[in-house]
Amino acid sequence: MTIPNLMTAYQKQQTEARLKQAYSVLTNAVRLSESENGNLDIPMDMGMSSHDLHLVFQESIAPYLAGASRISNTSIGWNGVNAAGGSSAGYLNFGKGTHCLNSGLCFYMINHHHNYIYIIVDLNGASKPNRAGRDIFYFALHPKDSGTVIDGLVYGINAQSTKEKLLEGCNKTNPGSWSNGSTCTELIKRNSWKIPKDYPW
């Protein structure tokens, strides 16, 4: 195996491990929060301001992320996101409201739909490549009576979505679209947290 191929294989292994870790950390934080406070009280309001979302995350989830520190200065934030398989302008901004762990995992809550909330995770903080499907991944929080479900079922996909549809969304490069690469999390999760061979790396 050539050196570039070895480097790519290593990068993929690191991505798999850190993505699974991010899922575990987030799931554990939500479970701890709900065990102490009851089900998460996340307003499902499309009109919620970013300030309100930051407060929801800071009060309901961040206290249960061991060692998390909040980025309060937008000037030290970083912009995303490009899609996994190619570049495209996006407008997610990791800045004010972002909480980062010592490990480099950073979490940022955004609102999008009437029955779930997105949390965007950057696996290595402000470091490059800042690309969806490479170091930036989307998780969806679905509040239910039995407790919040966390997965990668973002807007436009569901549990019955095919691998082909997930691959299409993971590789999407629509200019300016927030959803470029949004399905990559679910694609890897369904493959036992392993990056598929046909993944748009």
C-alpha atoms as a PDB file:
ATOM      1  CA  MET A   1       0.000   0.000   0.000  1.00  0.00           C
ATOM      2  CA  THR A   2       1.388   3.411  -0.964  1.00  0.00           C
ATOM      3  CA  ILE A   3       2.040   6.164   1.579  1.00  0.00           C
ATOM      4  CA  PRO A   4      -0.950   8.283   0.409  1.00  0.00           C
ATOM      5  CA  ASN A   5      -3.212   5.240   0.712  1.00  0.00           C
ATOM      6  CA  LEU A   6      -1.860   4.489   4.172  1.00  0.00           C
ATOM      7  CA  MET A   7      -2.496   8.084   5.216  1.00  0.00           C
ATOM      8  CA  THR A   8      -6.055   7.961   3.896  1.00  0.00           C
ATOM      9  CA  ALA A   9      -6.714   4.664   5.684  1.00  0.00           C
ATOM     10  CA  TYR A  10      -5.399   6.157   8.930  1.00  0.00           C
ATOM     11  CA  GLN A  11      -7.515   9.301   8.522  1.00  0.00           C
ATOM     12  CA  LYS A  12     -10.610   7.195   7.966  1.00  0.00           C
ATOM     13  CA  GLN A  13      -9.901   5.107  11.061  1.00  0.00           C
ATOM     14  CA  GLN A  14      -9.481   8.272  13.128  1.00  0.00           C
ATOM     15  CA  THR A  15     -12.728   9.675  11.746  1.00  0.00           C
ATOM     16  CA  GLU A  16     -14.618   6.477  12.548  1.00  0.00           C
ATOM     17  CA  ALA A  17     -13.301   6.382  16.108  1.00  0.00           C
ATOM     18  CA  ARG A  18     -13.961  10.053  16.831  1.00  0.00           C
ATOM     19  CA  LEU A  19     -17.424  10.024  15.277  1.00  0.00           C
ATOM     20  CA  LYS A  20     -18.407   7.035  17.396  1.00  0.00           C
ATOM     21  CA  GLN A  21     -16.927   8.816  20.420  1.00  0.00           C
ATOM     22  CA  ALA A  22     -18.944  11.963  19.635  1.00  0.00           C
ATOM     23  CA  TYR A  23     -22.131   9.902  19.468  1.00  0.00           C
ATOM     24  CA  SER A  24     -21.317   8.205  22.771  1.00  0.00           C
ATOM     25  CA  VAL A  25     -20.439  11.474  24.513  1.00  0.00           C
ATOM     26  CA  LEU A  26     -23.583  13.203  23.281  1.00  0.00           C
ATOM     27  CA  THR A  27     -25.833  10.253  24.104  1.00  0.00           C
ATOM     28  CA  ASN A  28     -24.377   9.968  27.597  1.00  0.00           C
ATOM     29  CA  ALA A  29     -24.851  13.705  28.231  1.00  0.00           C
ATOM     30  CA  VAL A  30     -28.499  13.577  27.175  1.00  0.00           C
ATOM     31  CA  ARG A  31     -29.165  10.469  29.276  1.00  0.00           C
ATOM     32  CA  LEU A  32     -27.581  12.067  32.358  1.00  0.00           C
ATOM     33  CA  SER A  33     -29.558  15.253  31.839  1.00  0.00           C
ATOM     34  CA  GLU A  34     -32.832  13.389  31.478  1.00  0.00           C
ATOM     35  CA  SER A  35     -32.155  11.171  34.487  1.00  0.00           C
ATOM     36  CA  GLU A  36     -31.752  14.266  36.667  1.00  0.00           C
ATOM     37  CA  ASN A  37     -34.212  16.674  35.079  1.00  0.00           C
ATOM     38  CA  GLY A  38     -36.710  14.640  33.090  1.00  0.00           C
ATOM     39  CA  ASN A  39     -37.080  14.735  29.337  1.00  0.00           C
ATOM     40  CA  LEU A  40     -35.232  17.494  27.537  1.00  0.00           C
ATOM     41  CA  ASP A  41     -37.323  20.622  27.235  1.00  0.00           C
ATOM     42  CA  ILE A  42     -36.384  21.661  23.717  1.00  0.00           C
ATOM     43  CA  PRO A  43     -38.867  24.109  22.165  1.00  0.00           C
ATOM     44  CA  MET A  44     -39.707  22.910  18.678  1.00  0.00           C
ATOM     45  CA  ASP A  45     -40.015  26.395  17.256  1.00  0.00           C
ATOM     46  CA  MET A  46     -38.721  27.166  13.791  1.00  0.00           C
ATOM     47  CA  GLY A  47     -38.430  30.784  14.844  1.00  0.00           C
ATOM     48  CA  MET A  48     -36.127  30.238  17.807  1.00  0.00           C
ATOM     49  CA  SER A  49     -33.227  32.651  17.819  1.00  0.00           C
ATOM     50  CA  SER A  50     -29.667  31.373  17.842  1.00  0.00           C
ATOM     51  CA  HIS A  51     -29.315  32.936  21.289  1.00  0.00           C
ATOM     52  CA  ASP A  52     -32.176  30.808  22.624  1.00  0.00           C
ATOM     53  CA  LEU A  53     -30.692  27.691  21.090  1.00  0.00           C
ATOM     54  CA  HIS A  54     -27.344  28.403  22.701  1.00  0.00           C
ATOM     55  CA  LEU A  55     -29.095  28.700  26.059  1.00  0.00           C
ATOM     56  CA  VAL A  56     -30.982  25.427  25.564  1.00  0.00           C
ATOM     57  CA  PHE A  57     -27.746  23.596  24.862  1.00  0.00           C
ATOM     58  CA  GLN A  58     -25.840  25.379  27.624  1.00  0.00           C
ATOM     59  CA  GLU A  59     -28.463  24.638  30.261  1.00  0.00           C
ATOM     60  CA  SER A  60     -29.691  21.184  29.216  1.00  0.00           C
ATOM     61  CA  ILE A  61     -26.716  19.383  27.690  1.00  0.00           C
ATOM     62  CA  ALA A  62     -23.407  21.202  28.210  1.00  0.00           C
ATOM     63  CA  PRO A  63     -23.311  20.622  32.010  1.00  0.00           C
ATOM     64  CA  TYR A  64     -23.204  16.891  31.275  1.00  0.00           C
ATOM     65  CA  LEU A  65     -20.341  17.118  28.787  1.00  0.00           C
ATOM     66  CA  ALA A  66     -17.379  16.565  31.080  1.00  0.00           C
ATOM     67  CA  GLY A  67     -14.751  19.254  30.618  1.00  0.00           C
ATOM     68  CA  ALA A  68     -16.736  21.274  28.061  1.00  0.00           C
ATOM     69  CA  SER A  69     -15.870  24.938  27.629  1.00  0.00           C
ATOM     70  CA  ARG A  70     -17.977  27.453  25.746  1.00  0.00           C
ATOM     71  CA  ILE A  71     -16.683  29.592  22.910  1.00  0.00           C
ATOM     72  CA  SER A  72     -18.067  33.043  23.618  1.00  0.00           C
ATOM     73  CA  ASN A  73     -16.200  35.118  21.063  1.00  0.00           C
ATOM     74  CA  THR A  74     -17.394  34.759  17.466  1.00  0.00           C
ATOM     75  CA  SER A  75     -14.077  36.092  16.210  1.00  0.00           C
ATOM     76  CA  ILE A  76     -12.425  32.799  17.139  1.00  0.00           C
ATOM     77  CA  GLY A  77     -15.054  30.715  15.399  1.00  0.00           C
ATOM     78  CA  TRP A  78     -14.612  28.903  12.113  1.00  0.00           C
ATOM     79  CA  ASN A  79     -16.811  28.645   9.073  1.00  0.00           C
ATOM     80  CA  GLY A  80     -18.077  25.602   7.217  1.00  0.00           C
ATOM     81  CA  VAL A  81     -19.071  23.571   5.543  1.00  0.00           C
ATOM     82  CA  ASN A  82     -18.006  21.857   2.383  1.00  0.00           C
ATOM     83  CA  ALA A  83     -19.452  18.510   1.388  1.00  0.00           C
ATOM     84  CA  ALA A  84     -17.574  15.255   1.790  1.00  0.00           C
ATOM     85  CA  GLY A  85     -17.029  14.602  -1.885  1.00  0.00           C
ATOM     86  CA  GLY A  86     -16.294  18.136  -3.067  1.00  0.00           C
ATOM     87  CA  SER A  87     -16.238  21.785  -2.157  1.00  0.00           C
ATOM     88  CA  SER A  88     -19.304  23.971  -1.928  1.00  0.00           C
ATOM     89  CA  ALA A  89     -20.055  27.150  -0.013  1.00  0.00           C
ATOM     90  CA  GLY A  90     -21.903  26.614   3.238  1.00  0.00           C
ATOM     91  CA  TYR A  91     -22.841  28.893   6.072  1.00  0.00           C
ATOM     92  CA  LEU A  92     -22.562  27.004   9.328  1.00  0.00           C
ATOM     93  CA  ASN A  93     -20.423  28.943  11.756  1.00  0.00           C
ATOM     94  CA  PHE A  94     -18.823  27.382  14.797  1.00  0.00           C
ATOM     95  CA  GLY A  95     -18.531  30.386  17.076  1.00  0.00           C
ATOM     96  CA  LYS A  96     -20.603  31.778  19.911  1.00  0.00           C
ATOM     97  CA  GLY A  97     -22.604  28.969  21.473  1.00  0.00           C
ATOM     98  CA  THR A  98     -20.115  26.246  20.569  1.00  0.00           C
ATOM     99  CA  HIS A  99     -18.956  23.972  23.392  1.00  0.00           C
ATOM    100  CA  CYS A 100     -15.652  22.136  23.001  1.00  0.00           C
ATOM    101  CA  LEU A 101     -14.054  19.310  24.969  1.00  0.00           C
ATOM    102  CA  ASN A 102     -10.365  18.898  25.729  1.00  0.00           C
ATOM    103  CA  SER A 103     -10.331  16.064  23.196  1.00  0.00           C
ATOM    104  CA  GLY A 104     -11.126  18.561  20.426  1.00  0.00           C
ATOM    105  CA  LEU A 105     -14.766  17.534  19.921  1.00  0.00           C
ATOM    106  CA  CYS A 106     -16.942  20.619  19.463  1.00  0.00           C
ATOM    107  CA  PHE A 107     -20.750  20.731  19.587  1.00  0.00           C
ATOM    108  CA  TYR A 108     -23.058  23.376  18.157  1.00  0.00           C
ATOM    109  CA  MET A 109     -26.875  23.276  18.273  1.00  0.00           C
ATOM    110  CA  ILE A 110     -28.960  24.597  15.402  1.00  0.00           C
ATOM    111  CA  ASN A 111     -32.720  24.527  14.934  1.00  0.00           C
ATOM    112  CA  HIS A 112     -34.281  23.396  11.698  1.00  0.00           C
ATOM    113  CA  HIS A 113     -37.509  21.471  11.972  1.00  0.00           C
ATOM    114  CA  HIS A 114     -40.658  21.337  14.048  1.00  0.00           C
ATOM    115  CA  ASN A 115     -40.020  17.949  15.674  1.00  0.00           C
ATOM    116  CA  TYR A 116     -36.265  17.644  16.082  1.00  0.00           C
ATOM    117  CA  ILE A 117     -33.116  19.649  16.686  1.00  0.00           C
ATOM    118  CA  TYR A 118     -29.757  19.375  14.969  1.00  0.00           C
ATOM    119  CA  ILE A 119     -26.432  19.255  16.729  1.00  0.00           C
ATOM    120  CA  ILE A 120     -23.391  19.723  14.513  1.00  0.00           C
ATOM    121  CA  VAL A 121     -20.159  18.125  15.719  1.00  0.00           C
ATOM    122  CA  ASP A 122     -16.670  19.045  14.592  1.00  0.00           C
ATOM    123  CA  LEU A 123     -14.319  16.178  15.401  1.00  0.00           C
ATOM    124  CA  ASN A 124     -11.159  18.298  15.528  1.00  0.00           C
ATOM    125  CA  GLY A 125     -12.278  21.800  16.415  1.00  0.00           C
ATOM    126  CA  ALA A 126     -11.202  24.655  14.178  1.00  0.00           C
ATOM    127  CA  SER A 127      -8.570  22.541  12.427  1.00  0.00           C
ATOM    128  CA  LYS A 128      -9.020  21.757   8.745  1.00  0.00           C
ATOM    129  CA  PRO A 129     -10.572  20.476   6.584  1.00  0.00           C
ATOM    130  CA  ASN A 130     -13.863  21.742   8.110  1.00  0.00           C
ATOM    131  CA  ARG A 131     -15.800  19.628   5.663  1.00  0.00           C
ATOM    132  CA  ALA A 132     -19.051  17.764   6.231  1.00  0.00           C
ATOM    133  CA  GLY A 133     -18.427  14.049   6.183  1.00  0.00           C
ATOM    134  CA  ARG A 134     -14.741  14.474   6.962  1.00  0.00           C
ATOM    135  CA  ASP A 135     -14.572  16.266  10.319  1.00  0.00           C
ATOM    136  CA  ILE A 136     -18.040  17.843  10.560  1.00  0.00           C
ATOM    137  CA  PHE A 137     -21.065  15.624  11.172  1.00  0.00           C
ATOM    138  CA  TYR A 138     -24.782  16.144  11.799  1.00  0.00           C
ATOM    139  CA  PHE A 139     -26.728  14.531  14.625  1.00  0.00           C
ATOM    140  CA  ALA A 140     -30.487  14.825  15.139  1.00  0.00           C
ATOM    141  CA  LEU A 141     -32.186  14.906  18.546  1.00  0.00           C
ATOM    142  CA  HIS A 142     -35.761  13.605  18.486  1.00  0.00           C
ATOM    143  CA  PRO A 143     -37.539  14.297  21.821  1.00  0.00           C
ATOM    144  CA  LYS A 144     -39.983  11.492  22.692  1.00  0.00           C
ATOM    145  CA  ASP A 145     -41.985  10.539  25.777  1.00  0.00           C
ATOM    146  CA  SER A 146     -39.620   7.619  26.376  1.00  0.00           C
ATOM    147  CA  GLY A 147     -36.553   9.861  26.123  1.00  0.00           C
ATOM    148  CA  THR A 148     -34.631  11.694  23.428  1.00  0.00           C
ATOM    149  CA  VAL A 149     -33.484   9.589  20.490  1.00  0.00           C
ATOM    150  CA  ILE A 150     -30.166  10.579  18.890  1.00  0.00           C
ATOM    151  CA  ASP A 151     -29.302   9.512  15.368  1.00  0.00           C
ATOM    152  CA  GLY A 152     -28.361  10.857  11.961  1.00  0.00           C
ATOM    153  CA  LEU A 153     -31.896  11.007  10.576  1.00  0.00           C
ATOM    154  CA  VAL A 154     -31.833  14.593   9.394  1.00  0.00           C
ATOM    155  CA  TYR A 155     -34.236  16.458   7.137  1.00  0.00           C
ATOM    156  CA  GLY A 156     -35.370  14.462   4.121  1.00  0.00           C
ATOM    157  CA  ILE A 157     -34.296  10.998   5.283  1.00  0.00           C
ATOM    158  CA  ASN A 158     -35.806   8.405   7.598  1.00  0.00           C
ATOM    159  CA  ALA A 159     -35.189   4.903   8.849  1.00  0.00           C
ATOM    160  CA  GLN A 160     -36.355   3.468   5.522  1.00  0.00           C
ATOM    161  CA  SER A 161     -34.018   5.600   3.415  1.00  0.00           C
ATOM    162  CA  THR A 162     -31.762   3.553   1.177  1.00  0.00           C
ATOM    163  CA  LYS A 163     -27.988   3.562   1.223  1.00  0.00           C
ATOM    164  CA  GLU A 164     -28.090   5.185  -2.217  1.00  0.00           C
ATOM    165  CA  LYS A 165     -30.078   8.116  -0.844  1.00  0.00           C
ATOM    166  CA  LEU A 166     -27.689   8.485   2.084  1.00  0.00           C
ATOM    167  CA  LEU A 167     -24.716   8.452  -0.291  1.00  0.00           C
ATOM    168  CA  GLU A 168     -26.378  11.098  -2.448  1.00  0.00           C
ATOM    169  CA  GLY A 169     -26.919  13.371   0.547  1.00  0.00           C
ATOM    170  CA  CYS A 170     -23.433  12.755   1.883  1.00  0.00           C
ATOM    171  CA  ASN A 171     -21.927  13.832  -1.427  1.00  0.00           C
ATOM    172  CA  LYS A 172     -24.296  16.749  -2.095  1.00  0.00           C
ATOM    173  CA  THR A 173     -22.591  19.991  -3.096  1.00  0.00           C
ATOM    174  CA  ASN A 174     -25.416  22.470  -3.622  1.00  0.00           C
ATOM    175  CA  PRO A 175     -23.994  26.002  -3.389  1.00  0.00           C
ATOM    176  CA  GLY A 176     -24.869  27.632  -0.091  1.00  0.00           C
ATOM    177  CA  SER A 177     -26.861  24.670   1.201  1.00  0.00           C
ATOM    178  CA  TRP A 178     -26.774  23.877   4.922  1.00  0.00           C
ATOM    179  CA  SER A 179     -27.453  20.215   4.122  1.00  0.00           C
ATOM    180  CA  ASN A 180     -24.318  19.373   2.140  1.00  0.00           C
ATOM    181  CA  GLY A 181     -23.032  16.145   3.629  1.00  0.00           C
ATOM    182  CA  SER A 182     -25.781  16.002   6.242  1.00  0.00           C
ATOM    183  CA  THR A 183     -26.491  12.285   5.755  1.00  0.00           C
ATOM    184  CA  CYS A 184     -22.908  11.110   6.259  1.00  0.00           C
ATOM    185  CA  THR A 185     -23.452  10.396   9.973  1.00  0.00           C
ATOM    186  CA  GLU A 186     -26.335   8.013   9.346  1.00  0.00           C
ATOM    187  CA  LEU A 187     -24.470   6.349   6.481  1.00  0.00           C
ATOM    188  CA  ILE A 188     -21.513   5.497   8.742  1.00  0.00           C
ATOM    189  CA  LYS A 189     -23.697   4.633  11.737  1.00  0.00           C
ATOM    190  CA  ARG A 190     -25.629   2.047   9.710  1.00  0.00           C
ATOM    191  CA  ASN A 191     -22.349   0.507   8.617  1.00  0.00           C
ATOM    192  CA  SER A 192     -21.397  -0.295  12.234  1.00  0.00           C
ATOM    193  CA  TRP A 193     -19.481   2.997  12.530  1.00  0.00           C
ATOM    194  CA  LYS A 194     -17.230   2.070   9.617  1.00  0.00           C
ATOM    195  CA  ILE A 195     -16.768   4.248   6.522  1.00  0.00           C
ATOM    196  CA  PRO A 196     -18.126   2.317   3.511  1.00  0.00           C
ATOM    197  CA  LYS A 197     -15.810   1.581   0.599  1.00  0.00           C
ATOM    198  CA  ASP A 198     -17.922   3.756  -1.723  1.00  0.00           C
ATOM    199  CA  TYR A 199     -17.930   6.693   0.704  1.00  0.00           C
ATOM    200  CA  PRO A 200     -17.193  10.083  -0.946  1.00  0.00           C
ATOM    201  CA  TRP A 201     -13.947  10.768   0.920  1.00  0.00           C
END
